């Protein structure tokens, strides 16, 4: 199992309850939630990857269970990994998902690759 399916159900339920249209795509060895054609959150193994406002990034890293996302070997500002300590309780998970959702309209979409 590349990603925690129970966690995926919890994330999907959050977006469904808020009536937020999303696309869940398998990518990068996990599951990525796309909102408005932009990466919002993802699940890799048992962790959430959240794309949050870079203005609150440093403060967020001081919270329990929140770590730099260093998927590529170096930290990416505005992206965090959240382990069980940060997302075990539903209200905690929803807090982080809401931060990612709030930032989504401000986030830049990745450039589309041209098909030959």
Protein backbone atom coordinates (compact mmCIF):
# COMPACT_ATOMS: atom_id res chain seq x y z
CA UNK A 1 0.00 0.00 0.00
CA UNK A 2 1.59 3.27 -1.12
CA UNK A 3 -0.84 5.43 0.84
CA UNK A 4 -3.15 5.03 3.81
CA UNK A 5 -6.63 4.42 2.38
CA UNK A 6 -8.36 5.21 5.68
CA UNK A 7 -6.66 8.61 5.67
CA UNK A 8 -7.73 9.08 2.04
CA UNK A 9 -11.35 8.43 3.09
CA UNK A 10 -11.05 11.06 5.84
CA UNK A 11 -9.66 13.64 3.42
CA UNK A 12 -12.30 12.88 0.78
CA UNK A 13 -15.04 13.17 3.41
CA UNK A 14 -13.76 16.65 4.39
CA UNK A 15 -13.96 17.92 0.81
CA UNK A 16 -17.31 16.20 0.23
CA UNK A 17 -18.80 17.76 3.39
CA UNK A 18 -17.68 21.19 2.21
CA UNK A 19 -18.98 20.44 -1.30
CA UNK A 20 -15.55 21.17 -2.78
CA UNK A 21 -15.06 19.49 -6.16
CA UNK A 22 -11.75 17.62 -6.28
CA UNK A 23 -9.89 15.09 -8.32
CA UNK A 24 -7.86 12.45 -6.48
CA UNK A 25 -4.92 11.31 -8.61
CA UNK A 26 -2.40 8.62 -7.89
CA UNK A 27 1.01 10.22 -8.29
CA UNK A 28 4.44 10.38 -6.66
CA UNK A 29 3.82 7.04 -4.97
CA UNK A 30 0.76 8.39 -3.17
CA UNK A 31 -2.55 10.12 -3.71
CA UNK A 32 -2.84 13.80 -4.64
CA UNK A 33 -5.97 15.92 -4.25
CA UNK A 34 -6.33 18.48 -7.01
CA UNK A 35 -8.68 21.44 -6.58
CA UNK A 36 -9.10 23.89 -9.46
CA UNK A 37 -6.30 22.05 -11.31
CA UNK A 38 -3.86 22.77 -8.45
CA UNK A 39 -2.28 20.43 -5.94
CA UNK A 40 -3.92 21.08 -2.58
CA UNK A 41 -3.04 18.11 -0.37
CA UNK A 42 -1.61 14.66 -0.81
CA UNK A 43 -1.15 11.42 1.06
CA UNK A 44 2.17 9.61 1.07
CA UNK A 45 2.15 6.44 3.17
CA UNK A 46 0.63 7.59 6.50
CA UNK A 47 1.36 11.30 6.17
CA UNK A 48 -0.47 14.26 4.71
CA UNK A 49 1.37 16.68 2.46
CA UNK A 50 -0.34 20.07 2.65
CA UNK A 51 0.27 23.12 0.48
CA UNK A 52 -0.20 26.08 2.82
CA UNK A 53 0.36 29.81 2.62
CA UNK A 54 4.12 30.51 2.72
CA UNK A 55 3.34 33.44 5.05
CA UNK A 56 2.36 30.99 7.83
CA UNK A 57 4.91 28.30 6.93
CA UNK A 58 7.49 29.05 9.67
CA UNK A 59 4.83 29.33 12.37
CA UNK A 60 3.23 26.08 11.21
CA UNK A 61 6.51 24.20 11.57
CA UNK A 62 6.41 24.89 15.32
CA UNK A 63 3.21 22.82 15.70
CA UNK A 64 3.46 19.20 16.83
CA UNK A 65 3.55 16.72 13.97
CA UNK A 66 4.25 19.34 11.29
CA UNK A 67 7.55 18.99 9.41
CA UNK A 68 9.26 20.44 6.36
CA UNK A 69 8.38 18.70 3.15
CA UNK A 70 11.69 17.52 1.82
CA UNK A 71 10.43 15.06 -0.76
CA UNK A 72 13.10 16.18 -3.23
CA UNK A 73 15.89 16.31 -0.64
CA UNK A 74 15.49 20.00 0.16
CA UNK A 75 12.63 21.78 1.93
CA UNK A 76 9.95 23.46 -0.17
CA UNK A 77 8.51 26.56 1.52
CA UNK A 78 4.74 26.37 1.74
CA UNK A 79 4.63 22.57 1.69
CA UNK A 80 4.52 20.57 4.93
CA UNK A 81 4.30 16.94 5.97
CA UNK A 82 1.86 16.12 8.76
CA UNK A 83 2.22 12.92 10.75
CA UNK A 84 -0.24 11.18 13.11
CA UNK A 85 0.56 13.60 15.91
CA UNK A 86 -0.83 16.47 13.79
CA UNK A 87 -3.80 14.72 12.17
CA UNK A 88 -4.97 11.94 14.48
CA UNK A 89 -8.04 13.82 15.71
CA UNK A 90 -10.64 14.83 13.12
CA UNK A 91 -10.61 18.49 14.17
CA UNK A 92 -6.80 18.59 13.80
CA UNK A 93 -6.92 17.03 10.35
CA UNK A 94 -9.66 19.45 9.30
CA UNK A 95 -7.58 22.40 10.60
CA UNK A 96 -4.71 21.53 8.24
CA UNK A 97 -6.98 20.68 5.32
CA UNK A 98 -8.73 24.03 5.74
CA UNK A 99 -5.35 25.84 5.69
CA UNK A 100 -4.54 24.12 2.40
CA UNK A 101 -7.99 24.87 1.02
CA UNK A 102 -7.72 28.54 2.05
CA UNK A 103 -4.41 28.88 0.20
CA UNK A 104 -5.58 27.08 -2.94
CA UNK A 105 -7.09 30.16 -4.69
CA UNK A 106 -3.76 31.99 -4.20
CA UNK A 107 -1.56 29.09 -5.32
CA UNK A 108 -0.07 29.02 -8.77
CA UNK A 109 -0.99 26.12 -11.00
CA UNK A 110 1.87 24.10 -12.38
CA UNK A 111 2.63 24.56 -16.04
CA UNK A 112 0.88 22.08 -18.29
CA UNK A 113 3.18 19.82 -20.27
CA UNK A 114 2.65 20.03 -24.00
CA UNK A 115 1.62 16.81 -25.68
CA UNK A 116 3.52 16.04 -28.86
